[in-house]
Protein backbone atom coordinates (compact mmCIF):
# COMPACT_ATOMS: atom_id res chain seq x y z
CA MET A 1 20.67 -3.70 20.77
CA SER A 2 21.55 -2.20 17.42
CA THR A 3 24.96 -0.83 16.63
CA TYR A 4 25.35 1.94 14.12
CA GLN A 5 28.29 3.32 12.23
CA VAL A 6 29.36 6.82 13.18
CA PHE A 7 28.29 9.17 10.39
CA SER A 8 31.02 10.99 8.49
CA ARG A 9 30.52 13.28 5.49
CA GLU A 10 33.97 12.26 4.24
CA THR A 11 32.98 8.60 4.25
CA LEU A 12 29.68 9.40 2.53
CA SER A 13 31.37 11.38 -0.22
CA GLY A 14 33.87 8.55 -0.74
CA PHE A 15 31.22 6.26 -2.17
CA LYS A 16 30.91 6.38 -5.94
CA THR A 17 27.30 5.33 -6.43
CA LEU A 18 23.99 6.39 -4.96
CA ALA A 19 23.31 2.80 -3.93
CA GLU A 20 26.53 2.71 -1.89
CA GLN A 21 25.70 6.05 -0.27
CA CYS A 22 22.22 4.83 0.65
CA ARG A 23 23.61 1.59 2.11
CA TYR A 24 26.04 3.63 4.22
CA LEU A 25 23.32 6.02 5.41
CA LEU A 26 21.15 3.04 6.38
CA SER A 27 24.02 1.72 8.53
CA CYS A 28 24.09 4.98 10.51
CA LYS A 29 21.57 6.14 13.11
CA ILE A 30 18.64 8.02 11.55
CA SER A 31 16.88 10.60 13.68
CA ALA A 32 14.23 13.27 13.21
CA THR A 33 14.30 16.96 14.03
CA ALA A 34 11.61 19.60 13.97
CA ASN A 35 11.50 21.63 10.77
CA GLY A 36 8.57 23.99 10.92
CA LYS A 37 5.40 21.97 11.51
CA ALA A 38 6.92 18.71 10.24
CA LEU A 39 9.76 16.46 11.30
CA GLN A 40 12.73 16.04 8.99
CA ALA A 41 14.88 12.92 8.89
CA ARG A 42 18.60 13.27 9.30
CA VAL A 43 21.74 11.22 9.72
CA GLY A 44 24.25 12.96 11.94
CA ASP A 45 24.37 16.53 10.64
CA PHE A 46 23.18 15.47 7.17
CA ASP A 47 19.54 16.35 6.46
CA LEU A 48 17.61 13.93 4.29
CA PRO A 49 14.86 15.26 1.99
CA VAL A 50 12.27 13.32 3.98
CA TYR A 51 9.53 15.12 5.92
CA CYS A 52 6.67 13.69 7.97
CA ASN A 53 3.78 15.09 9.97
CA GLY A 54 3.83 12.00 12.17
CA ASP A 55 6.05 11.18 15.11
CA GLU A 56 9.78 10.43 15.14
CA TYR A 57 9.28 6.70 14.55
CA GLN A 58 7.13 7.34 11.45
CA THR A 59 9.67 9.83 10.13
CA ILE A 60 12.50 7.30 10.53
CA GLN A 61 10.40 4.59 8.83
CA LYS A 62 9.73 6.94 5.93
CA ALA A 63 13.46 7.75 5.66
CA VAL A 64 14.41 4.06 5.60
CA PHE A 65 11.83 3.41 2.88
CA TRP A 66 13.06 6.42 0.88
CA LEU A 67 16.72 5.35 1.11
CA LYS A 68 15.91 1.77 0.08
CA THR A 69 13.81 3.03 -2.83
CA GLN A 70 16.58 5.35 -4.02
CA ALA A 71 19.11 2.51 -3.93
CA ALA A 72 16.77 0.13 -5.78
CA ASN A 73 15.95 2.73 -8.43
CA TYR A 74 19.65 3.38 -8.99
CA LEU A 75 20.44 -0.32 -9.32
CA ASN A 76 17.50 -0.89 -11.68
CA ALA A 77 18.61 2.02 -13.87
CA ALA A 78 22.16 0.65 -13.94
CA LYS A 79 20.87 -2.76 -15.04
CA GLN A 80 18.82 -1.15 -17.81
CA GLN A 81 21.92 0.60 -19.15
CA GLU A 82 23.71 -2.75 -19.36
CA ILE A 83 21.03 -4.20 -21.65
């Protein structure tokens, strides 16, 4: 059984980097809601810019991939600036 953190916009806004925000969002429960003909991923009342024409599971998988990619891209860009 997985345990998730309770989502809070205040906690999310307290993180200084995109990577930290993504890590926090990944620790919260991700769900999907209908948005027109597609499903949109969300965490609590926070909509993610992730849409899918598949089912809820596919939408959540896509959101997890998107969040991990955003965090990795941020960290890679930060490393490049150090060089």
